[in-house]
Amino acid sequence: MDTNKVLLKENGVNLTLTIVDTPGFGDAVDNSGCWDPVIQFVEAQYEAFLDAETRVNRVALPDTRWGSVGDKFKVRN
């Protein structure tokens, strides 16, 4: 087991982040569907934004889409 600590500083706020690497922990767990709720949430955000943008009378909708998710995860169509 390896432990690494990192001190992050931003705008006068200090955050100590401890990362613990546990090789082999959880290898027997089936995580094949663990990202499904996240993918469903992201897809719903994009659909809500697209729906609001394509209306004739647009409503004010905050942009809650995640810009980097498509780069990190394969989103199913």
PDB file of N, CA and C in Angstrom:
ATOM      1  N   MET A   1       0.852  -1.157   0.000  1.00  0.00           N
ATOM      2  CA  MET A   1       0.000   0.000   0.000  1.00  0.00           C
ATOM      3  C   MET A   1       0.909   1.235   0.000  1.00  0.00           C
ATOM      4  N   ASP A   2       0.629   2.151  -0.944  1.00  0.00           N
ATOM      5  CA  ASP A   2       1.408   3.379  -1.056  1.00  0.00           C
ATOM      6  C   ASP A   2       0.532   4.570  -0.689  1.00  0.00           C
ATOM      7  N   THR A   3       1.110   5.545   0.013  1.00  0.00           N
ATOM      8  CA  THR A   3       0.395   6.757   0.393  1.00  0.00           C
ATOM      9  C   THR A   3       1.173   7.963  -0.109  1.00  0.00           C
ATOM     10  N   ASN A   4       0.474   8.875  -0.767  1.00  0.00           N
ATOM     11  CA  ASN A   4       1.077  10.115  -1.246  1.00  0.00           C
ATOM     12  C   ASN A   4       0.243  11.282  -0.751  1.00  0.00           C
ATOM     13  N   LYS A   5       0.895  12.348  -0.304  1.00  0.00           N
ATOM     14  CA  LYS A   5       0.198  13.554   0.139  1.00  0.00           C
ATOM     15  C   LYS A   5       0.589  14.709  -0.765  1.00  0.00           C
ATOM     16  N   VAL A   6      -0.427  15.518  -1.103  1.00  0.00           N
ATOM     17  CA  VAL A   6      -0.212  16.679  -1.954  1.00  0.00           C
ATOM     18  C   VAL A   6      -0.889  17.867  -1.294  1.00  0.00           C
ATOM     19  N   LEU A   7      -0.213  19.001  -1.266  1.00  0.00           N
ATOM     20  CA  LEU A   7      -0.797  20.231  -0.736  1.00  0.00           C
ATOM     21  C   LEU A   7      -1.213  21.100  -1.917  1.00  0.00           C
ATOM     22  N   LEU A   8      -2.514  21.371  -2.021  1.00  0.00           N
ATOM     23  CA  LEU A   8      -3.052  22.216  -3.088  1.00  0.00           C
ATOM     24  C   LEU A   8      -3.370  23.579  -2.500  1.00  0.00           C
ATOM     25  N   LYS A   9      -2.917  24.651  -3.174  1.00  0.00           N
ATOM     26  CA  LYS A   9      -3.180  26.013  -2.712  1.00  0.00           C
ATOM     27  C   LYS A   9      -3.859  26.782  -3.831  1.00  0.00           C
ATOM     28  N   GLU A  10      -4.997  27.419  -3.496  1.00  0.00           N
ATOM     29  CA  GLU A  10      -5.703  28.230  -4.477  1.00  0.00           C
ATOM     30  C   GLU A  10      -6.482  29.313  -3.755  1.00  0.00           C
ATOM     31  N   ASN A  11      -6.254  30.562  -4.133  1.00  0.00           N
ATOM     32  CA  ASN A  11      -6.955  31.719  -3.572  1.00  0.00           C
ATOM     33  C   ASN A  11      -6.938  31.731  -2.049  1.00  0.00           C
ATOM     34  N   GLY A  12      -5.798  31.429  -1.455  1.00  0.00           N
ATOM     35  CA  GLY A  12      -5.663  31.469  -0.007  1.00  0.00           C
ATOM     36  C   GLY A  12      -6.226  30.260   0.716  1.00  0.00           C
ATOM     37  N   VAL A  13      -6.686  29.261  -0.016  1.00  0.00           N
ATOM     38  CA  VAL A  13      -7.233  28.051   0.599  1.00  0.00           C
ATOM     39  C   VAL A  13      -6.214  26.927   0.427  1.00  0.00           C
ATOM     40  N   ASN A  14      -5.876  26.282   1.530  1.00  0.00           N
ATOM     41  CA  ASN A  14      -4.958  25.151   1.504  1.00  0.00           C
ATOM     42  C   ASN A  14      -5.753  23.860   1.665  1.00  0.00           C
ATOM     43  N   LEU A  15      -5.468  22.891   0.809  1.00  0.00           N
ATOM     44  CA  LEU A  15      -6.131  21.594   0.872  1.00  0.00           C
ATOM     45  C   LEU A  15      -5.067  20.521   0.803  1.00  0.00           C
ATOM     46  N   THR A  16      -5.027  19.673   1.820  1.00  0.00           N
ATOM     47  CA  THR A  16      -4.110  18.547   1.815  1.00  0.00           C
ATOM     48  C   THR A  16      -4.864  17.332   1.302  1.00  0.00           C
ATOM     49  N   LEU A  17      -4.395  16.777   0.201  1.00  0.00           N
ATOM     50  CA  LEU A  17      -5.023  15.626  -0.430  1.00  0.00           C
ATOM     51  C   LEU A  17      -4.125  14.413  -0.196  1.00  0.00           C
ATOM     52  N   THR A  18      -4.703  13.378   0.393  1.00  0.00           N
ATOM     53  CA  THR A  18      -3.972  12.136   0.629  1.00  0.00           C
ATOM     54  C   THR A  18      -4.501  11.083  -0.328  1.00  0.00           C
ATOM     55  N   ILE A  19      -3.613  10.517  -1.122  1.00  0.00           N
ATOM     56  CA  ILE A  19      -3.966   9.478  -2.092  1.00  0.00           C
ATOM     57  C   ILE A  19      -3.382   8.160  -1.595  1.00  0.00           C
ATOM     58  N   VAL A  20      -4.259   7.169  -1.425  1.00  0.00           N
ATOM     59  CA  VAL A  20      -3.827   5.851  -0.952  1.00  0.00           C
ATOM     60  C   VAL A  20      -4.029   4.862  -2.088  1.00  0.00           C
ATOM     61  N   ASP A  21      -2.940   4.234  -2.523  1.00  0.00           N
ATOM     62  CA  ASP A  21      -3.002   3.225  -3.578  1.00  0.00           C
ATOM     63  C   ASP A  21      -3.030   1.854  -2.915  1.00  0.00           C
ATOM     64  N   THR A  22      -4.075   1.087  -3.207  1.00  0.00           N
ATOM     65  CA  THR A  22      -4.227  -0.249  -2.625  1.00  0.00           C
ATOM     66  C   THR A  22      -4.275  -1.271  -3.753  1.00  0.00           C
ATOM     67  N   PRO A  23      -3.122  -1.693  -4.255  1.00  0.00           N
ATOM     68  CA  PRO A  23      -3.090  -2.647  -5.369  1.00  0.00           C
ATOM     69  C   PRO A  23      -3.842  -3.927  -5.045  1.00  0.00           C
ATOM     70  N   GLY A  24      -4.704  -4.341  -5.979  1.00  0.00           N
ATOM     71  CA  GLY A  24      -5.442  -5.582  -5.831  1.00  0.00           C
ATOM     72  C   GLY A  24      -6.755  -5.449  -5.086  1.00  0.00           C
ATOM     73  N   PHE A  25      -6.980  -4.341  -4.386  1.00  0.00           N
ATOM     74  CA  PHE A  25      -8.222  -4.175  -3.637  1.00  0.00           C
ATOM     75  C   PHE A  25      -9.380  -3.977  -4.602  1.00  0.00           C
ATOM     76  N   GLY A  26     -10.381  -4.814  -4.512  1.00  0.00           N
ATOM     77  CA  GLY A  26     -11.560  -4.703  -5.362  1.00  0.00           C
ATOM     78  C   GLY A  26     -11.429  -5.380  -6.712  1.00  0.00           C
ATOM     79  N   ASP A  27     -10.382  -6.161  -6.925  1.00  0.00           N
ATOM     80  CA  ASP A  27     -10.205  -6.826  -8.224  1.00  0.00           C
ATOM     81  C   ASP A  27     -11.332  -7.810  -8.532  1.00  0.00           C
ATOM     82  N   ALA A  28     -11.932  -8.395  -7.501  1.00  0.00           N
ATOM     83  CA  ALA A  28     -12.977  -9.397  -7.712  1.00  0.00           C
ATOM     84  C   ALA A  28     -14.369  -8.773  -7.807  1.00  0.00           C
ATOM     85  N   VAL A  29     -14.474  -7.447  -7.722  1.00  0.00           N
ATOM     86  CA  VAL A  29     -15.762  -6.765  -7.769  1.00  0.00           C
ATOM     87  C   VAL A  29     -16.116  -6.439  -9.223  1.00  0.00           C
ATOM     88  N   ASP A  30     -17.353  -6.723  -9.609  1.00  0.00           N
ATOM     89  CA  ASP A  30     -17.816  -6.422 -10.962  1.00  0.00           C
ATOM     90  C   ASP A  30     -18.277  -4.972 -11.021  1.00  0.00           C
ATOM     91  N   ASN A  31     -17.495  -4.111 -11.634  1.00  0.00           N
ATOM     92  CA  ASN A  31     -17.813  -2.691 -11.769  1.00  0.00           C
ATOM     93  C   ASN A  31     -18.261  -2.338 -13.180  1.00  0.00           C
ATOM     94  N   SER A  32     -18.739  -3.309 -13.929  1.00  0.00           N
ATOM     95  CA  SER A  32     -19.062  -3.074 -15.332  1.00  0.00           C
ATOM     96  C   SER A  32     -20.163  -2.032 -15.527  1.00  0.00           C
ATOM     97  N   GLY A  33     -21.089  -1.894 -14.574  1.00  0.00           N
ATOM     98  CA  GLY A  33     -22.177  -0.926 -14.730  1.00  0.00           C
ATOM     99  C   GLY A  33     -22.088   0.245 -13.778  1.00  0.00           C
ATOM    100  N   CYS A  34     -20.938   0.448 -13.147  1.00  0.00           N
ATOM    101  CA  CYS A  34     -20.836   1.481 -12.116  1.00  0.00           C
ATOM    102  C   CYS A  34     -20.945   2.897 -12.681  1.00  0.00           C
ATOM    103  N   TRP A  35     -20.630   3.108 -13.957  1.00  0.00           N
ATOM    104  CA  TRP A  35     -20.690   4.449 -14.538  1.00  0.00           C
ATOM    105  C   TRP A  35     -22.031   4.759 -15.179  1.00  0.00           C
ATOM    106  N   ASP A  36     -22.945   3.790 -15.228  1.00  0.00           N
ATOM    107  CA  ASP A  36     -24.241   4.018 -15.861  1.00  0.00           C
ATOM    108  C   ASP A  36     -25.013   5.201 -15.272  1.00  0.00           C
ATOM    109  N   PRO A  37     -25.114   5.366 -13.942  1.00  0.00           N
ATOM    110  CA  PRO A  37     -25.824   6.541 -13.408  1.00  0.00           C
ATOM    111  C   PRO A  37     -25.161   7.868 -13.796  1.00  0.00           C
ATOM    112  N   VAL A  38     -23.847   7.884 -13.854  1.00  0.00           N
ATOM    113  CA  VAL A  38     -23.142   9.111 -14.237  1.00  0.00           C
ATOM    114  C   VAL A  38     -23.419   9.430 -15.702  1.00  0.00           C
ATOM    115  N   ILE A  39     -23.348   8.428 -16.555  1.00  0.00           N
ATOM    116  CA  ILE A  39     -23.599   8.615 -17.982  1.00  0.00           C
ATOM    117  C   ILE A  39     -25.030   9.076 -18.216  1.00  0.00           C
ATOM    118  N   GLN A  40     -25.985   8.485 -17.504  1.00  0.00           N
ATOM    119  CA  GLN A  40     -27.389   8.885 -17.647  1.00  0.00           C
ATOM    120  C   GLN A  40     -27.586  10.335 -17.227  1.00  0.00           C
ATOM    121  N   PHE A  41     -26.936  10.760 -16.146  1.00  0.00           N
ATOM    122  CA  PHE A  41     -27.044  12.138 -15.678  1.00  0.00           C
ATOM    123  C   PHE A  41     -26.475  13.114 -16.709  1.00  0.00           C
ATOM    124  N   VAL A  42     -25.292  12.807 -17.232  1.00  0.00           N
ATOM    125  CA  VAL A  42     -24.646  13.695 -18.213  1.00  0.00           C
ATOM    126  C   VAL A  42     -25.489  13.784 -19.483  1.00  0.00           C
ATOM    127  N   GLU A  43     -25.983  12.643 -19.961  1.00  0.00           N
ATOM    128  CA  GLU A  43     -26.827  12.652 -21.162  1.00  0.00           C
ATOM    129  C   GLU A  43     -28.100  13.463 -20.927  1.00  0.00           C
ATOM    130  N   ALA A  44     -28.686  13.369 -19.738  1.00  0.00           N
ATOM    131  CA  ALA A  44     -29.892  14.136 -19.420  1.00  0.00           C
ATOM    132  C   ALA A  44     -29.605  15.632 -19.419  1.00  0.00           C
ATOM    133  N   GLN A  45     -28.422  16.033 -18.945  1.00  0.00           N
ATOM    134  CA  GLN A  45     -28.050  17.450 -18.943  1.00  0.00           C
ATOM    135  C   GLN A  45     -27.927  17.978 -20.373  1.00  0.00           C
ATOM    136  N   TYR A  46     -27.292  17.204 -21.234  1.00  0.00           N
ATOM    137  CA  TYR A  46     -27.146  17.620 -22.628  1.00  0.00           C
ATOM    138  C   TYR A  46     -28.505  17.697 -23.326  1.00  0.00           C
ATOM    139  N   GLU A  47     -29.369  16.713 -23.070  1.00  0.00           N
ATOM    140  CA  GLU A  47     -30.687  16.715 -23.701  1.00  0.00           C
ATOM    141  C   GLU A  47     -31.527  17.895 -23.221  1.00  0.00           C
ATOM    142  N   ALA A  48     -31.471  18.222 -21.935  1.00  0.00           N
ATOM    143  CA  ALA A  48     -32.226  19.362 -21.409  1.00  0.00           C
ATOM    144  C   ALA A  48     -31.721  20.661 -22.018  1.00  0.00           C
ATOM    145  N   PHE A  49     -30.414  20.790 -22.156  1.00  0.00           N
ATOM    146  CA  PHE A  49     -29.843  22.002 -22.738  1.00  0.00           C
ATOM    147  C   PHE A  49     -30.223  22.121 -24.212  1.00  0.00           C
ATOM    148  N   LEU A  50     -30.145  21.024 -24.948  1.00  0.00           N
ATOM    149  CA  LEU A  50     -30.503  21.029 -26.361  1.00  0.00           C
ATOM    150  C   LEU A  50     -31.986  21.338 -26.537  1.00  0.00           C
ATOM    151  N   ASP A  51     -32.827  20.765 -25.692  1.00  0.00           N
ATOM    152  CA  ASP A  51     -34.263  21.021 -25.754  1.00  0.00           C
ATOM    153  C   ASP A  51     -34.551  22.507 -25.536  1.00  0.00           C
ATOM    154  N   ALA A  52     -33.902  23.113 -24.555  1.00  0.00           N
ATOM    155  CA  ALA A  52     -34.118  24.536 -24.280  1.00  0.00           C
ATOM    156  C   ALA A  52     -33.589  25.415 -25.413  1.00  0.00           C
ATOM    157  N   GLU A  53     -32.483  25.009 -26.032  1.00  0.00           N
ATOM    158  CA  GLU A  53     -31.881  25.802 -27.106  1.00  0.00           C
ATOM    159  C   GLU A  53     -32.668  25.718 -28.412  1.00  0.00           C
ATOM    160  N   THR A  54     -33.393  24.632 -28.626  1.00  0.00           N
ATOM    161  CA  THR A  54     -34.099  24.464 -29.897  1.00  0.00           C
ATOM    162  C   THR A  54     -35.545  24.944 -29.855  1.00  0.00           C
ATOM    163  N   ARG A  55     -35.995  25.484 -28.745  1.00  0.00           N
ATOM    164  CA  ARG A  55     -37.347  26.022 -28.655  1.00  0.00           C
ATOM    165  C   ARG A  55     -37.423  27.365 -29.361  1.00  0.00           C
ATOM    166  N   VAL A  56     -38.629  27.692 -29.849  1.00  0.00           N
ATOM    167  CA  VAL A  56     -38.830  28.992 -30.484  1.00  0.00           C
ATOM    168  C   VAL A  56     -38.677  30.094 -29.448  1.00  0.00           C
ATOM    169  N   ASN A  57     -39.330  29.940 -28.311  1.00  0.00           N
ATOM    170  CA  ASN A  57     -39.192  30.886 -27.202  1.00  0.00           C
ATOM    171  C   ASN A  57     -38.261  30.250 -26.178  1.00  0.00           C
ATOM    172  N   ARG A  58     -37.010  30.627 -26.226  1.00  0.00           N
ATOM    173  CA  ARG A  58     -36.015  30.014 -25.359  1.00  0.00           C
ATOM    174  C   ARG A  58     -36.220  30.463 -23.919  1.00  0.00           C
ATOM    175  N   VAL A  59     -36.018  29.528 -23.011  1.00  0.00           N
ATOM    176  CA  VAL A  59     -36.075  29.828 -21.583  1.00  0.00           C
ATOM    177  C   VAL A  59     -34.653  29.896 -21.058  1.00  0.00           C
ATOM    178  N   ALA A  60     -34.471  30.663 -20.002  1.00  0.00           N
ATOM    179  CA  ALA A  60     -33.145  30.763 -19.399  1.00  0.00           C
ATOM    180  C   ALA A  60     -32.833  29.450 -18.692  1.00  0.00           C
ATOM    181  N   LEU A  61     -31.797  28.785 -19.128  1.00  0.00           N
ATOM    182  CA  LEU A  61     -31.393  27.513 -18.550  1.00  0.00           C
ATOM    183  C   LEU A  61     -29.906  27.571 -18.249  1.00  0.00           C
ATOM    184  N   PRO A  62     -29.534  27.345 -16.984  1.00  0.00           N
ATOM    185  CA  PRO A  62     -28.093  27.346 -16.679  1.00  0.00           C
ATOM    186  C   PRO A  62     -27.404  26.198 -17.392  1.00  0.00           C
ATOM    187  N   ASP A  63     -26.216  26.453 -17.882  1.00  0.00           N
ATOM    188  CA  ASP A  63     -25.456  25.445 -18.611  1.00  0.00           C
ATOM    189  C   ASP A  63     -24.783  24.519 -17.602  1.00  0.00           C
ATOM    190  N   THR A  64     -25.375  23.347 -17.371  1.00  0.00           N
ATOM    191  CA  THR A  64     -24.825  22.395 -16.407  1.00  0.00           C
ATOM    192  C   THR A  64     -24.140  21.220 -17.090  1.00  0.00           C
ATOM    193  N   ARG A  65     -23.879  21.362 -18.398  1.00  0.00           N
ATOM    194  CA  ARG A  65     -23.198  20.265 -19.101  1.00  0.00           C
ATOM    195  C   ARG A  65     -21.763  20.165 -18.624  1.00  0.00           C
ATOM    196  N   TRP A  66     -21.219  18.956 -18.657  1.00  0.00           N
ATOM    197  CA  TRP A  66     -19.832  18.731 -18.266  1.00  0.00           C
ATOM    198  C   TRP A  66     -18.990  18.677 -19.514  1.00  0.00           C
ATOM    199  N   GLY A  67     -18.078  19.615 -19.672  1.00  0.00           N
ATOM    200  CA  GLY A  67     -17.299  19.707 -20.893  1.00  0.00           C
ATOM    201  C   GLY A  67     -16.284  18.609 -21.071  1.00  0.00           C
ATOM    202  N   SER A  68     -15.709  18.104 -20.006  1.00  0.00           N
ATOM    203  CA  SER A  68     -14.616  17.152 -20.170  1.00  0.00           C
ATOM    204  C   SER A  68     -15.056  15.701 -20.067  1.00  0.00           C
ATOM    205  N   VAL A  69     -16.305  15.434 -19.759  1.00  0.00           N
ATOM    206  CA  VAL A  69     -16.734  14.049 -19.582  1.00  0.00           C
ATOM    207  C   VAL A  69     -16.616  13.259 -20.871  1.00  0.00           C
ATOM    208  N   GLY A  70     -16.973  13.870 -21.988  1.00  0.00           N
ATOM    209  CA  GLY A  70     -16.885  13.168 -23.261  1.00  0.00           C
ATOM    210  C   GLY A  70     -15.466  12.770 -23.608  1.00  0.00           C
ATOM    211  N   ASP A  71     -14.497  13.523 -23.104  1.00  0.00           N
ATOM    212  CA  ASP A  71     -13.098  13.190 -23.364  1.00  0.00           C
ATOM    213  C   ASP A  71     -12.626  12.024 -22.514  1.00  0.00           C
ATOM    214  N   LYS A  72     -13.189  11.855 -21.320  1.00  0.00           N
ATOM    215  CA  LYS A  72     -12.704  10.842 -20.391  1.00  0.00           C
ATOM    216  C   LYS A  72     -13.510   9.561 -20.425  1.00  0.00           C
ATOM    217  N   PHE A  73     -14.794   9.646 -20.757  1.00  0.00           N
ATOM    218  CA  PHE A  73     -15.658   8.472 -20.741  1.00  0.00           C
ATOM    219  C   PHE A  73     -16.318   8.279 -22.076  1.00  0.00           C
ATOM    220  N   LYS A  74     -16.540   7.052 -22.432  1.00  0.00           N
ATOM    221  CA  LYS A  74     -17.261   6.761 -23.659  1.00  0.00           C
ATOM    222  C   LYS A  74     -18.756   6.861 -23.369  1.00  0.00           C
ATOM    223  N   VAL A  75     -19.417   7.859 -23.922  1.00  0.00           N
ATOM    224  CA  VAL A  75     -20.827   8.059 -23.697  1.00  0.00           C
ATOM    225  C   VAL A  75     -21.593   7.332 -24.784  1.00  0.00           C
ATOM    226  N   ARG A  76     -22.536   6.484 -24.370  1.00  0.00           N
ATOM    227  CA  ARG A  76     -23.307   5.693 -25.316  1.00  0.00           C
ATOM    228  C   ARG A  76     -24.375   6.545 -25.959  1.00  0.00           C
ATOM    229  N   ASN A  77     -24.650   6.300 -27.236  1.00  0.00           N
ATOM    230  CA  ASN A  77     -25.713   6.997 -27.952  1.00  0.00           C
ATOM    231  C   ASN A  77     -26.954   6.160 -27.987  1.00  0.00           C
TER     232      ASN A  77
END
